[in-house]
Amino acid sequence: MERLLFKPRSRFLKVKCSQCDNEQIVFERPASNVKCRVCGKTIVKSTGGKGKVFGEIIEVYS
């Protein structure tokens, strides 16, 4: 019997804040805006699909 394995369509990202250099892990498709835990600047904006990243993507986790 053959099994089909599906890959997830979304990933987690490690993003570096452009203002304070804090690194945090965020979801690629957020339902709401994600703010930096240190300085409060928006680092990922919700767009209804993939979020718009306002920082440097350091690593991608699949």
PDB file of N, CA and C in Angstrom:
ATOM      1  N   MET A   1       0.833  -1.180   0.000  1.00  0.00           N
ATOM      2  CA  MET A   1       0.000   0.000   0.000  1.00  0.00           C
ATOM      3  C   MET A   1       0.881   1.248   0.000  1.00  0.00           C
ATOM      4  N   GLU A   2       0.589   2.151  -0.877  1.00  0.00           N
ATOM      5  CA  GLU A   2       1.384   3.372  -1.007  1.00  0.00           C
ATOM      6  C   GLU A   2       0.767   4.481  -0.159  1.00  0.00           C
ATOM      7  N   ARG A   3       1.598   5.195   0.596  1.00  0.00           N
ATOM      8  CA  ARG A   3       1.125   6.297   1.429  1.00  0.00           C
ATOM      9  C   ARG A   3       1.622   7.619   0.855  1.00  0.00           C
ATOM     10  N   LEU A   4       0.761   8.591   0.858  1.00  0.00           N
ATOM     11  CA  LEU A   4       1.146   9.919   0.403  1.00  0.00           C
ATOM     12  C   LEU A   4       1.541  10.758   1.601  1.00  0.00           C
ATOM     13  N   LEU A   5       2.688  11.374   1.520  1.00  0.00           N
ATOM     14  CA  LEU A   5       3.151  12.252   2.588  1.00  0.00           C
ATOM     15  C   LEU A   5       3.120  13.683   2.072  1.00  0.00           C
ATOM     16  N   PHE A   6       2.457  14.536   2.809  1.00  0.00           N
ATOM     17  CA  PHE A   6       2.343  15.929   2.416  1.00  0.00           C
ATOM     18  C   PHE A   6       3.328  16.775   3.204  1.00  0.00           C
ATOM     19  N   LYS A   7       3.945  17.711   2.511  1.00  0.00           N
ATOM     20  CA  LYS A   7       4.843  18.644   3.173  1.00  0.00           C
ATOM     21  C   LYS A   7       4.021  19.845   3.630  1.00  0.00           C
ATOM     22  N   PRO A   8       4.328  20.403   4.793  1.00  0.00           N
ATOM     23  CA  PRO A   8       3.617  21.600   5.233  1.00  0.00           C
ATOM     24  C   PRO A   8       3.869  22.765   4.277  1.00  0.00           C
ATOM     25  N   ARG A   9       2.847  23.613   4.102  1.00  0.00           N
ATOM     26  CA  ARG A   9       2.989  24.751   3.191  1.00  0.00           C
ATOM     27  C   ARG A   9       3.564  25.981   3.879  1.00  0.00           C
ATOM     28  N   SER A  10       3.672  25.951   5.175  1.00  0.00           N
ATOM     29  CA  SER A  10       4.202  27.112   5.883  1.00  0.00           C
ATOM     30  C   SER A  10       5.331  26.679   6.811  1.00  0.00           C
ATOM     31  N   ARG A  11       6.143  27.644   7.199  1.00  0.00           N
ATOM     32  CA  ARG A  11       7.331  27.342   7.993  1.00  0.00           C
ATOM     33  C   ARG A  11       7.474  28.343   9.130  1.00  0.00           C
ATOM     34  N   PHE A  12       8.433  28.068   9.986  1.00  0.00           N
ATOM     35  CA  PHE A  12       8.816  29.009  11.030  1.00  0.00           C
ATOM     36  C   PHE A  12      10.104  29.686  10.580  1.00  0.00           C
ATOM     37  N   LEU A  13      10.266  30.948  10.944  1.00  0.00           N
ATOM     38  CA  LEU A  13      11.431  31.730  10.555  1.00  0.00           C
ATOM     39  C   LEU A  13      12.100  32.309  11.799  1.00  0.00           C
ATOM     40  N   LYS A  14      13.425  32.339  11.794  1.00  0.00           N
ATOM     41  CA  LYS A  14      14.155  33.084  12.822  1.00  0.00           C
ATOM     42  C   LYS A  14      14.462  34.440  12.208  1.00  0.00           C
ATOM     43  N   VAL A  15      13.904  35.498  12.813  1.00  0.00           N
ATOM     44  CA  VAL A  15      14.015  36.846  12.269  1.00  0.00           C
ATOM     45  C   VAL A  15      14.792  37.725  13.246  1.00  0.00           C
ATOM     46  N   LYS A  16      15.692  38.541  12.695  1.00  0.00           N
ATOM     47  CA  LYS A  16      16.482  39.480  13.494  1.00  0.00           C
ATOM     48  C   LYS A  16      15.857  40.867  13.353  1.00  0.00           C
ATOM     49  N   CYS A  17      15.524  41.482  14.475  1.00  0.00           N
ATOM     50  CA  CYS A  17      14.923  42.818  14.488  1.00  0.00           C
ATOM     51  C   CYS A  17      15.930  43.839  13.947  1.00  0.00           C
ATOM     52  N   SER A  18      15.466  44.705  13.071  1.00  0.00           N
ATOM     53  CA  SER A  18      16.365  45.696  12.472  1.00  0.00           C
ATOM     54  C   SER A  18      16.698  46.836  13.426  1.00  0.00           C
ATOM     55  N   GLN A  19      15.919  46.982  14.494  1.00  0.00           N
ATOM     56  CA  GLN A  19      16.153  48.089  15.424  1.00  0.00           C
ATOM     57  C   GLN A  19      17.059  47.705  16.589  1.00  0.00           C
ATOM     58  N   CYS A  20      16.824  46.512  17.196  1.00  0.00           N
ATOM     59  CA  CYS A  20      17.585  46.173  18.414  1.00  0.00           C
ATOM     60  C   CYS A  20      18.406  44.879  18.273  1.00  0.00           C
ATOM     61  N   ASP A  21      18.398  44.249  17.110  1.00  0.00           N
ATOM     62  CA  ASP A  21      19.153  43.024  16.808  1.00  0.00           C
ATOM     63  C   ASP A  21      18.701  41.807  17.614  1.00  0.00           C
ATOM     64  N   ASN A  22      17.516  41.861  18.220  1.00  0.00           N
ATOM     65  CA  ASN A  22      16.958  40.688  18.902  1.00  0.00           C
ATOM     66  C   ASN A  22      16.544  39.653  17.856  1.00  0.00           C
ATOM     67  N   GLU A  23      16.792  38.386  18.132  1.00  0.00           N
ATOM     68  CA  GLU A  23      16.376  37.307  17.238  1.00  0.00           C
ATOM     69  C   GLU A  23      15.239  36.542  17.891  1.00  0.00           C
ATOM     70  N   GLN A  24      14.168  36.290  17.120  1.00  0.00           N
ATOM     71  CA  GLN A  24      13.077  35.478  17.631  1.00  0.00           C
ATOM     72  C   GLN A  24      12.468  34.664  16.511  1.00  0.00           C
ATOM     73  N   ILE A  25      11.827  33.573  16.888  1.00  0.00           N
ATOM     74  CA  ILE A  25      11.226  32.660  15.936  1.00  0.00           C
ATOM     75  C   ILE A  25       9.758  33.030  15.767  1.00  0.00           C
ATOM     76  N   VAL A  26       9.342  33.185  14.508  1.00  0.00           N
ATOM     77  CA  VAL A  26       7.973  33.583  14.195  1.00  0.00           C
ATOM     78  C   VAL A  26       7.406  32.656  13.133  1.00  0.00           C
ATOM     79  N   PHE A  27       6.075  32.638  13.017  1.00  0.00           N
ATOM     80  CA  PHE A  27       5.394  31.841  12.012  1.00  0.00           C
ATOM     81  C   PHE A  27       5.386  32.607  10.697  1.00  0.00           C
ATOM     82  N   GLU A  28       5.575  31.900   9.592  1.00  0.00           N
ATOM     83  CA  GLU A  28       5.661  32.529   8.278  1.00  0.00           C
ATOM     84  C   GLU A  28       4.328  33.154   7.846  1.00  0.00           C
ATOM     85  N   ARG A  29       3.209  32.574   8.290  1.00  0.00           N
ATOM     86  CA  ARG A  29       1.875  33.071   7.928  1.00  0.00           C
ATOM     87  C   ARG A  29       1.113  33.486   9.184  1.00  0.00           C
ATOM     88  N   PRO A  30       1.477  34.621   9.783  1.00  0.00           N
ATOM     89  CA  PRO A  30       0.843  35.001  11.053  1.00  0.00           C
ATOM     90  C   PRO A  30      -0.579  35.514  10.844  1.00  0.00           C
ATOM     91  N   ALA A  31      -1.458  35.255  11.827  1.00  0.00           N
ATOM     92  CA  ALA A  31      -2.831  35.743  11.787  1.00  0.00           C
ATOM     93  C   ALA A  31      -2.908  37.198  12.246  1.00  0.00           C
ATOM     94  N   SER A  32      -1.911  37.644  12.996  1.00  0.00           N
ATOM     95  CA  SER A  32      -1.864  39.038  13.446  1.00  0.00           C
ATOM     96  C   SER A  32      -0.413  39.513  13.377  1.00  0.00           C
ATOM     97  N   ASN A  33      -0.225  40.817  13.518  1.00  0.00           N
ATOM     98  CA  ASN A  33       1.123  41.381  13.464  1.00  0.00           C
ATOM     99  C   ASN A  33       1.958  40.857  14.626  1.00  0.00           C
ATOM    100  N   VAL A  34       3.256  40.623  14.365  1.00  0.00           N
ATOM    101  CA  VAL A  34       4.175  40.127  15.388  1.00  0.00           C
ATOM    102  C   VAL A  34       5.148  41.243  15.725  1.00  0.00           C
ATOM    103  N   LYS A  35       5.257  41.549  17.028  1.00  0.00           N
ATOM    104  CA  LYS A  35       6.162  42.606  17.483  1.00  0.00           C
ATOM    105  C   LYS A  35       7.372  42.004  18.168  1.00  0.00           C
ATOM    106  N   CYS A  36       8.480  42.730  18.118  1.00  0.00           N
ATOM    107  CA  CYS A  36       9.706  42.328  18.800  1.00  0.00           C
ATOM    108  C   CYS A  36       9.452  42.318  20.300  1.00  0.00           C
ATOM    109  N   ARG A  37       9.918  41.273  20.959  1.00  0.00           N
ATOM    110  CA  ARG A  37       9.711  41.154  22.408  1.00  0.00           C
ATOM    111  C   ARG A  37      10.543  42.153  23.203  1.00  0.00           C
ATOM    112  N   VAL A  38      11.598  42.690  22.607  1.00  0.00           N
ATOM    113  CA  VAL A  38      12.487  43.597  23.325  1.00  0.00           C
ATOM    114  C   VAL A  38      12.083  45.057  23.129  1.00  0.00           C
ATOM    115  N   CYS A  39      11.987  45.505  21.880  1.00  0.00           N
ATOM    116  CA  CYS A  39      11.743  46.927  21.617  1.00  0.00           C
ATOM    117  C   CYS A  39      10.310  47.243  21.196  1.00  0.00           C
ATOM    118  N   GLY A  40       9.525  46.230  20.797  1.00  0.00           N
ATOM    119  CA  GLY A  40       8.132  46.457  20.436  1.00  0.00           C
ATOM    120  C   GLY A  40       7.888  46.829  18.986  1.00  0.00           C
ATOM    121  N   LYS A  41       8.929  46.884  18.158  1.00  0.00           N
ATOM    122  CA  LYS A  41       8.762  47.209  16.745  1.00  0.00           C
ATOM    123  C   LYS A  41       8.118  46.020  16.015  1.00  0.00           C
ATOM    124  N   THR A  42       7.236  46.295  15.054  1.00  0.00           N
ATOM    125  CA  THR A  42       6.610  45.236  14.265  1.00  0.00           C
ATOM    126  C   THR A  42       7.665  44.600  13.369  1.00  0.00           C
ATOM    127  N   ILE A  43       7.837  43.263  13.500  1.00  0.00           N
ATOM    128  CA  ILE A  43       8.830  42.587  12.665  1.00  0.00           C
ATOM    129  C   ILE A  43       8.178  41.733  11.578  1.00  0.00           C
ATOM    130  N   VAL A  44       6.917  41.318  11.777  1.00  0.00           N
ATOM    131  CA  VAL A  44       6.182  40.606  10.732  1.00  0.00           C
ATOM    132  C   VAL A  44       4.761  41.150  10.721  1.00  0.00           C
ATOM    133  N   LYS A  45       4.305  41.604   9.543  1.00  0.00           N
ATOM    134  CA  LYS A  45       2.968  42.155   9.398  1.00  0.00           C
ATOM    135  C   LYS A  45       2.074  41.125   8.720  1.00  0.00           C
ATOM    136  N   SER A  46       0.887  40.918   9.272  1.00  0.00           N
ATOM    137  CA  SER A  46      -0.070  39.983   8.702  1.00  0.00           C
ATOM    138  C   SER A  46      -0.641  40.553   7.408  1.00  0.00           C
ATOM    139  N   THR A  47      -0.712  39.709   6.370  1.00  0.00           N
ATOM    140  CA  THR A  47      -1.240  40.156   5.079  1.00  0.00           C
ATOM    141  C   THR A  47      -2.384  39.268   4.595  1.00  0.00           C
ATOM    142  N   GLY A  48      -2.788  38.301   5.397  1.00  0.00           N
ATOM    143  CA  GLY A  48      -3.821  37.362   4.972  1.00  0.00           C
ATOM    144  C   GLY A  48      -3.238  36.114   4.337  1.00  0.00           C
ATOM    145  N   GLY A  49      -1.956  36.107   4.103  1.00  0.00           N
ATOM    146  CA  GLY A  49      -1.227  34.963   3.552  1.00  0.00           C
ATOM    147  C   GLY A  49       0.132  34.949   4.217  1.00  0.00           C
ATOM    148  N   LYS A  50       1.175  34.895   3.405  1.00  0.00           N
ATOM    149  CA  LYS A  50       2.517  35.003   3.974  1.00  0.00           C
ATOM    150  C   LYS A  50       2.716  36.404   4.511  1.00  0.00           C
ATOM    151  N   GLY A  51       3.320  36.495   5.684  1.00  0.00           N
ATOM    152  CA  GLY A  51       3.526  37.795   6.307  1.00  0.00           C
ATOM    153  C   GLY A  51       4.662  38.570   5.654  1.00  0.00           C
ATOM    154  N   LYS A  52       4.592  39.890   5.772  1.00  0.00           N
ATOM    155  CA  LYS A  52       5.665  40.753   5.276  1.00  0.00           C
ATOM    156  C   LYS A  52       6.670  40.938   6.408  1.00  0.00           C
ATOM    157  N   VAL A  53       7.921  40.566   6.151  1.00  0.00           N
ATOM    158  CA  VAL A  53       8.964  40.581   7.184  1.00  0.00           C
ATOM    159  C   VAL A  53       9.713  41.896   7.140  1.00  0.00           C
ATOM    160  N   PHE A  54       9.784  42.575   8.306  1.00  0.00           N
ATOM    161  CA  PHE A  54      10.535  43.832   8.444  1.00  0.00           C
ATOM    162  C   PHE A  54      11.762  43.548   9.295  1.00  0.00           C
ATOM    163  N   GLY A  55      12.686  42.812   8.778  1.00  0.00           N
ATOM    164  CA  GLY A  55      13.898  42.439   9.486  1.00  0.00           C
ATOM    165  C   GLY A  55      14.666  41.450   8.631  1.00  0.00           C
ATOM    166  N   GLU A  56      15.712  40.920   9.174  1.00  0.00           N
ATOM    167  CA  GLU A  56      16.562  39.983   8.434  1.00  0.00           C
ATOM    168  C   GLU A  56      16.185  38.550   8.818  1.00  0.00           C
ATOM    169  N   ILE A  57      15.934  37.717   7.795  1.00  0.00           N
ATOM    170  CA  ILE A  57      15.642  36.305   8.050  1.00  0.00           C
ATOM    171  C   ILE A  57      16.973  35.592   8.242  1.00  0.00           C
ATOM    172  N   ILE A  58      17.161  35.046   9.437  1.00  0.00           N
ATOM    173  CA  ILE A  58      18.420  34.388   9.793  1.00  0.00           C
ATOM    174  C   ILE A  58      18.391  32.913   9.408  1.00  0.00           C
ATOM    175  N   GLU A  59      17.265  32.253   9.681  1.00  0.00           N
ATOM    176  CA  GLU A  59      17.170  30.815   9.456  1.00  0.00           C
ATOM    177  C   GLU A  59      15.724  30.452   9.146  1.00  0.00           C
ATOM    178  N   VAL A  60      15.537  29.388   8.355  1.00  0.00           N
ATOM    179  CA  VAL A  60      14.206  28.888   8.012  1.00  0.00           C
ATOM    180  C   VAL A  60      14.082  27.466   8.524  1.00  0.00           C
ATOM    181  N   TYR A  61      13.033  27.224   9.295  1.00  0.00           N
ATOM    182  CA  TYR A  61      12.759  25.875   9.825  1.00  0.00           C
ATOM    183  C   TYR A  61      11.580  25.303   9.063  1.00  0.00           C
ATOM    184  N   SER A  62      11.768  24.113   8.474  1.00  0.00           N
ATOM    185  CA  SER A  62      10.669  23.512   7.718  1.00  0.00           C
ATOM    186  C   SER A  62      10.022  22.378   8.462  1.00  0.00           C
TER     187      SER A  62
END
